[in-house]
Amino acid sequence: MHQIPTSIFMLGMATTVFFWAHIVFALTVRFSVRHDRRVVSALFASDQPPGLILYKSYQMRVKLFFPWVVARELDEQSKLLRVLLWSARLAGTGLIVAFLLMVGDFVYLASSGA
């Protein structure tokens, strides 16, 4: 039986932690600004997709994962809400980076015959 390399395991765990942290922070932000349509449309993906099924999107816009993108819609919101948004943004960025590193590690290990 083969054993999972430690690097794959650690990157998988980091990806999982970043994923759940991002989900919790994003849902908290979404719940906190649910009544302000301007903020919701600026921070989250399309709220009403075309089609018969109507649902609310809880997925943040990908552009917010880049630290240099400014979210001006939260300037008048509380400091706690801005901290939660930054936490969601950093967790989303960490998720993407950890996932790409894990895929790169898979490719490296597969190509090296490990």
N, C-alpha and C. Protein backbone atom coordinates (compact mmCIF):
# COMPACT_ATOMS: atom_id res chain seq x y z
N MET A 1 0.83 -1.18 0.00
CA MET A 1 0.00 0.00 0.00
C MET A 1 0.88 1.24 0.00
N HIS A 2 0.50 2.21 -0.83
CA HIS A 2 1.30 3.43 -0.95
C HIS A 2 0.91 4.43 0.13
N GLN A 3 1.90 5.19 0.54
CA GLN A 3 1.67 6.20 1.54
C GLN A 3 1.61 7.58 0.86
N ILE A 4 0.71 8.44 1.33
CA ILE A 4 0.58 9.78 0.76
C ILE A 4 1.81 10.60 1.18
N PRO A 5 2.48 11.25 0.22
CA PRO A 5 3.62 12.09 0.60
C PRO A 5 3.19 13.20 1.56
N THR A 6 4.09 13.54 2.46
CA THR A 6 3.78 14.53 3.49
C THR A 6 3.43 15.88 2.88
N SER A 7 4.11 16.26 1.80
CA SER A 7 3.83 17.57 1.19
C SER A 7 2.41 17.63 0.64
N ILE A 8 1.96 16.54 0.02
CA ILE A 8 0.59 16.49 -0.51
C ILE A 8 -0.41 16.57 0.65
N PHE A 9 -0.14 15.84 1.71
CA PHE A 9 -1.03 15.84 2.87
C PHE A 9 -1.13 17.23 3.49
N MET A 10 0.02 17.88 3.69
CA MET A 10 0.03 19.21 4.32
C MET A 10 -0.66 20.24 3.43
N LEU A 11 -0.41 20.20 2.13
CA LEU A 11 -1.07 21.14 1.23
C LEU A 11 -2.57 20.86 1.15
N GLY A 12 -2.95 19.59 1.21
CA GLY A 12 -4.37 19.25 1.23
C GLY A 12 -5.05 19.77 2.48
N MET A 13 -4.38 19.65 3.61
CA MET A 13 -4.94 20.17 4.86
C MET A 13 -5.04 21.69 4.82
N ALA A 14 -3.99 22.35 4.29
CA ALA A 14 -4.03 23.81 4.19
C ALA A 14 -5.16 24.26 3.27
N THR A 15 -5.35 23.55 2.15
CA THR A 15 -6.44 23.88 1.23
C THR A 15 -7.79 23.74 1.93
N THR A 16 -7.95 22.68 2.70
CA THR A 16 -9.21 22.47 3.42
C THR A 16 -9.47 23.56 4.46
N VAL A 17 -8.45 23.93 5.20
CA VAL A 17 -8.60 24.99 6.22
C VAL A 17 -8.95 26.32 5.55
N PHE A 18 -8.23 26.67 4.48
CA PHE A 18 -8.54 27.92 3.77
C PHE A 18 -9.95 27.89 3.19
N PHE A 19 -10.37 26.74 2.67
CA PHE A 19 -11.71 26.62 2.09
C PHE A 19 -12.78 26.91 3.14
N TRP A 20 -12.70 26.23 4.27
CA TRP A 20 -13.73 26.41 5.30
C TRP A 20 -13.67 27.80 5.92
N ALA A 21 -12.47 28.34 6.09
CA ALA A 21 -12.36 29.71 6.62
C ALA A 21 -13.00 30.70 5.66
N HIS A 22 -12.74 30.52 4.37
CA HIS A 22 -13.34 31.42 3.38
C HIS A 22 -14.86 31.31 3.39
N ILE A 23 -15.38 30.10 3.44
CA ILE A 23 -16.83 29.90 3.44
C ILE A 23 -17.45 30.58 4.66
N VAL A 24 -16.89 30.37 5.83
CA VAL A 24 -17.45 30.95 7.06
C VAL A 24 -17.39 32.48 7.02
N PHE A 25 -16.25 33.04 6.64
CA PHE A 25 -16.13 34.50 6.60
C PHE A 25 -17.03 35.10 5.53
N ALA A 26 -17.09 34.48 4.35
CA ALA A 26 -17.93 35.01 3.27
C ALA A 26 -19.41 34.95 3.64
N LEU A 27 -19.83 33.86 4.26
CA LEU A 27 -21.23 33.77 4.68
C LEU A 27 -21.56 34.78 5.77
N THR A 28 -20.62 35.04 6.65
CA THR A 28 -20.83 36.04 7.70
C THR A 28 -20.98 37.43 7.09
N VAL A 29 -20.11 37.75 6.13
CA VAL A 29 -20.21 39.05 5.45
C VAL A 29 -21.52 39.14 4.69
N ARG A 30 -21.87 38.08 3.96
CA ARG A 30 -23.10 38.08 3.17
C ARG A 30 -24.33 38.27 4.07
N PHE A 31 -24.35 37.59 5.20
CA PHE A 31 -25.46 37.73 6.14
C PHE A 31 -25.52 39.15 6.71
N SER A 32 -24.36 39.74 6.96
CA SER A 32 -24.31 41.07 7.58
C SER A 32 -24.77 42.18 6.64
N VAL A 33 -24.55 42.02 5.33
CA VAL A 33 -24.90 43.08 4.37
C VAL A 33 -26.10 42.69 3.51
N ARG A 34 -26.88 41.73 3.93
CA ARG A 34 -27.96 41.18 3.09
C ARG A 34 -29.01 42.21 2.71
N HIS A 35 -29.16 43.29 3.47
CA HIS A 35 -30.20 44.27 3.18
C HIS A 35 -29.70 45.42 2.29
N ASP A 36 -28.40 45.52 2.08
CA ASP A 36 -27.83 46.59 1.25
C ASP A 36 -27.52 46.03 -0.13
N ARG A 37 -28.42 46.22 -1.08
CA ARG A 37 -28.29 45.64 -2.43
C ARG A 37 -27.03 46.12 -3.14
N ARG A 38 -26.63 47.36 -2.90
CA ARG A 38 -25.43 47.90 -3.56
C ARG A 38 -24.18 47.14 -3.13
N VAL A 39 -24.06 46.89 -1.85
CA VAL A 39 -22.90 46.16 -1.33
C VAL A 39 -22.94 44.70 -1.78
N VAL A 40 -24.11 44.09 -1.73
CA VAL A 40 -24.24 42.69 -2.15
C VAL A 40 -23.85 42.53 -3.61
N SER A 41 -24.32 43.42 -4.47
CA SER A 41 -23.99 43.29 -5.90
C SER A 41 -22.53 43.59 -6.17
N ALA A 42 -21.88 44.40 -5.34
CA ALA A 42 -20.47 44.71 -5.54
C ALA A 42 -19.56 43.60 -5.04
N LEU A 43 -19.95 42.90 -3.98
CA LEU A 43 -19.07 41.91 -3.37
C LEU A 43 -19.33 40.48 -3.83
N PHE A 44 -20.56 40.18 -4.20
CA PHE A 44 -20.92 38.80 -4.49
C PHE A 44 -21.34 38.64 -5.93
N ALA A 45 -21.26 37.40 -6.41
CA ALA A 45 -21.62 37.10 -7.79
C ALA A 45 -23.10 37.38 -8.00
N SER A 46 -23.52 37.28 -9.23
CA SER A 46 -24.89 37.60 -9.63
C SER A 46 -25.91 37.00 -8.67
N ASP A 47 -26.80 37.84 -8.17
CA ASP A 47 -27.80 37.41 -7.20
C ASP A 47 -28.96 36.67 -7.86
N GLN A 48 -29.30 37.01 -9.08
CA GLN A 48 -30.43 36.40 -9.78
C GLN A 48 -29.96 35.88 -11.14
N PRO A 49 -29.50 34.65 -11.22
CA PRO A 49 -29.05 34.12 -12.50
C PRO A 49 -30.24 33.89 -13.43
N PRO A 50 -29.99 33.92 -14.74
CA PRO A 50 -31.08 33.65 -15.66
C PRO A 50 -31.54 32.20 -15.53
N GLY A 51 -32.81 31.97 -15.69
CA GLY A 51 -33.34 30.62 -15.59
C GLY A 51 -34.54 30.58 -14.67
N LEU A 52 -35.05 29.39 -14.48
CA LEU A 52 -36.25 29.22 -13.68
C LEU A 52 -35.99 29.19 -12.19
N ILE A 53 -34.81 28.73 -11.80
CA ILE A 53 -34.51 28.59 -10.38
C ILE A 53 -33.87 29.88 -9.87
N LEU A 54 -34.48 30.47 -8.89
CA LEU A 54 -33.94 31.69 -8.30
C LEU A 54 -33.21 31.34 -7.00
N TYR A 55 -32.02 31.83 -6.86
CA TYR A 55 -31.27 31.58 -5.64
C TYR A 55 -30.39 32.78 -5.36
N LYS A 56 -29.89 32.85 -4.16
CA LYS A 56 -28.98 33.92 -3.79
C LYS A 56 -27.56 33.38 -3.82
N SER A 57 -26.68 34.13 -4.43
CA SER A 57 -25.29 33.70 -4.53
C SER A 57 -24.54 34.06 -3.25
N TYR A 58 -23.79 33.11 -2.76
CA TYR A 58 -22.94 33.35 -1.59
C TYR A 58 -21.47 33.30 -1.97
N GLN A 59 -21.19 33.34 -3.27
CA GLN A 59 -19.82 33.28 -3.75
C GLN A 59 -19.31 34.69 -3.99
N MET A 60 -18.15 34.98 -3.41
CA MET A 60 -17.56 36.30 -3.59
C MET A 60 -17.00 36.41 -5.01
N ARG A 61 -16.92 37.63 -5.49
CA ARG A 61 -16.33 37.87 -6.80
C ARG A 61 -14.84 37.55 -6.72
N VAL A 62 -14.33 36.91 -7.76
CA VAL A 62 -12.93 36.46 -7.76
C VAL A 62 -11.98 37.65 -7.70
N LYS A 63 -12.36 38.77 -8.29
CA LYS A 63 -11.46 39.93 -8.28
C LYS A 63 -11.12 40.37 -6.86
N LEU A 64 -11.98 40.06 -5.88
CA LEU A 64 -11.71 40.46 -4.51
C LEU A 64 -10.61 39.63 -3.85
N PHE A 65 -10.21 38.52 -4.48
CA PHE A 65 -9.13 37.71 -3.91
C PHE A 65 -7.77 38.36 -4.12
N PHE A 66 -7.70 39.33 -5.01
CA PHE A 66 -6.45 40.04 -5.24
C PHE A 66 -6.36 41.21 -4.27
N PRO A 67 -5.28 41.28 -3.47
CA PRO A 67 -5.19 42.29 -2.41
C PRO A 67 -5.20 43.73 -2.92
N TRP A 68 -4.79 43.96 -4.17
CA TRP A 68 -4.72 45.33 -4.69
C TRP A 68 -6.08 45.86 -5.18
N VAL A 69 -7.10 45.01 -5.22
CA VAL A 69 -8.45 45.46 -5.60
C VAL A 69 -9.13 46.05 -4.36
N VAL A 70 -9.62 47.26 -4.48
CA VAL A 70 -10.23 47.96 -3.35
C VAL A 70 -11.74 47.76 -3.38
N ALA A 71 -12.31 47.44 -2.23
CA ALA A 71 -13.76 47.29 -2.09
C ALA A 71 -14.30 48.55 -1.42
N ARG A 72 -14.56 49.57 -2.20
CA ARG A 72 -15.01 50.86 -1.67
C ARG A 72 -16.43 50.81 -1.10
N GLU A 73 -17.18 49.80 -1.44
CA GLU A 73 -18.57 49.71 -0.97
C GLU A 73 -18.66 49.53 0.54
N LEU A 74 -17.58 49.07 1.16
CA LEU A 74 -17.61 48.84 2.60
C LEU A 74 -17.00 49.98 3.41
N ASP A 75 -16.70 51.09 2.76
CA ASP A 75 -16.07 52.21 3.47
C ASP A 75 -16.92 52.72 4.62
N GLU A 76 -18.24 52.74 4.44
CA GLU A 76 -19.11 53.26 5.49
C GLU A 76 -19.60 52.18 6.44
N GLN A 77 -19.17 50.95 6.24
CA GLN A 77 -19.57 49.84 7.12
C GLN A 77 -18.68 49.80 8.36
N SER A 78 -19.03 48.95 9.30
CA SER A 78 -18.28 48.86 10.56
C SER A 78 -16.89 48.25 10.32
N LYS A 79 -16.01 48.51 11.26
CA LYS A 79 -14.65 47.99 11.15
C LYS A 79 -14.65 46.46 11.23
N LEU A 80 -15.53 45.89 12.05
CA LEU A 80 -15.63 44.44 12.16
C LEU A 80 -15.99 43.81 10.82
N LEU A 81 -16.91 44.43 10.10
CA LEU A 81 -17.32 43.91 8.80
C LEU A 81 -16.18 44.00 7.79
N ARG A 82 -15.41 45.08 7.84
CA ARG A 82 -14.25 45.20 6.94
C ARG A 82 -13.19 44.15 7.27
N VAL A 83 -12.99 43.88 8.56
CA VAL A 83 -12.04 42.83 8.96
C VAL A 83 -12.52 41.46 8.49
N LEU A 84 -13.82 41.20 8.61
CA LEU A 84 -14.37 39.92 8.12
C LEU A 84 -14.20 39.79 6.61
N LEU A 85 -14.41 40.89 5.88
CA LEU A 85 -14.23 40.84 4.43
C LEU A 85 -12.78 40.56 4.08
N TRP A 86 -11.85 41.23 4.75
CA TRP A 86 -10.44 40.98 4.49
C TRP A 86 -10.06 39.55 4.86
N SER A 87 -10.64 39.03 5.92
CA SER A 87 -10.37 37.64 6.29
C SER A 87 -10.87 36.69 5.21
N ALA A 88 -12.05 36.95 4.68
CA ALA A 88 -12.59 36.12 3.59
C ALA A 88 -11.72 36.23 2.35
N ARG A 89 -11.27 37.44 2.05
CA ARG A 89 -10.41 37.64 0.88
C ARG A 89 -9.09 36.90 1.03
N LEU A 90 -8.45 37.03 2.19
CA LEU A 90 -7.17 36.35 2.40
C LEU A 90 -7.32 34.84 2.42
N ALA A 91 -8.41 34.35 3.00
CA ALA A 91 -8.65 32.91 3.00
C ALA A 91 -8.90 32.41 1.58
N GLY A 92 -9.60 33.18 0.77
CA GLY A 92 -9.81 32.80 -0.63
C GLY A 92 -8.52 32.79 -1.42
N THR A 93 -7.67 33.78 -1.18
CA THR A 93 -6.37 33.81 -1.84
C THR A 93 -5.51 32.64 -1.39
N GLY A 94 -5.52 32.36 -0.09
CA GLY A 94 -4.78 31.20 0.43
C GLY A 94 -5.27 29.90 -0.15
N LEU A 95 -6.58 29.79 -0.34
CA LEU A 95 -7.17 28.60 -0.94
C LEU A 95 -6.64 28.39 -2.36
N ILE A 96 -6.64 29.45 -3.15
CA ILE A 96 -6.16 29.34 -4.53
C ILE A 96 -4.68 28.99 -4.56
N VAL A 97 -3.88 29.66 -3.75
CA VAL A 97 -2.44 29.41 -3.73
C VAL A 97 -2.14 27.99 -3.26
N ALA A 98 -2.78 27.55 -2.18
CA ALA A 98 -2.54 26.19 -1.67
C ALA A 98 -2.97 25.14 -2.68
N PHE A 99 -4.09 25.37 -3.36
CA PHE A 99 -4.55 24.41 -4.37
C PHE A 99 -3.57 24.33 -5.53
N LEU A 100 -3.10 25.48 -6.01
CA LEU A 100 -2.14 25.47 -7.13
C LEU A 100 -0.82 24.82 -6.72
N LEU A 101 -0.38 25.07 -5.49
CA LEU A 101 0.84 24.40 -5.01
C LEU A 101 0.64 22.89 -4.91
N MET A 102 -0.54 22.46 -4.49
CA MET A 102 -0.82 21.03 -4.40
C MET A 102 -0.81 20.39 -5.78
N VAL A 103 -1.42 21.05 -6.76
CA VAL A 103 -1.41 20.53 -8.13
C VAL A 103 0.02 20.48 -8.66
N GLY A 104 0.79 21.54 -8.39
CA GLY A 104 2.19 21.54 -8.80
C GLY A 104 2.99 20.43 -8.14
N ASP A 105 2.70 20.15 -6.89
CA ASP A 105 3.37 19.06 -6.19
C ASP A 105 2.99 17.71 -6.79
N PHE A 106 1.70 17.55 -7.15
CA PHE A 106 1.28 16.33 -7.84
C PHE A 106 2.07 16.13 -9.12
N VAL A 107 2.17 17.18 -9.91
CA VAL A 107 2.89 17.10 -11.19
C VAL A 107 4.36 16.79 -10.95
N TYR A 108 4.97 17.45 -9.97
CA TYR A 108 6.38 17.21 -9.68
C TYR A 108 6.61 15.77 -9.23
N LEU A 109 5.78 15.28 -8.32
CA LEU A 109 5.96 13.91 -7.83
C LEU A 109 5.70 12.88 -8.93
N ALA A 110 4.72 13.16 -9.78
CA ALA A 110 4.43 12.23 -10.87
C ALA A 110 5.55 12.21 -11.90
N SER A 111 6.13 13.37 -12.17
CA SER A 111 7.19 13.42 -13.18
C SER A 111 8.53 12.91 -12.64
N SER A 112 8.72 12.96 -11.33
CA SER A 112 9.98 12.48 -10.77
C SER A 112 9.95 11.00 -10.43
N GLY A 113 8.78 10.39 -10.57
CA GLY A 113 8.67 8.95 -10.32
C GLY A 113 8.58 8.61 -8.85
N ALA A 114 8.27 9.57 -8.01
CA ALA A 114 8.18 9.31 -6.57
C ALA A 114 6.92 8.58 -6.20
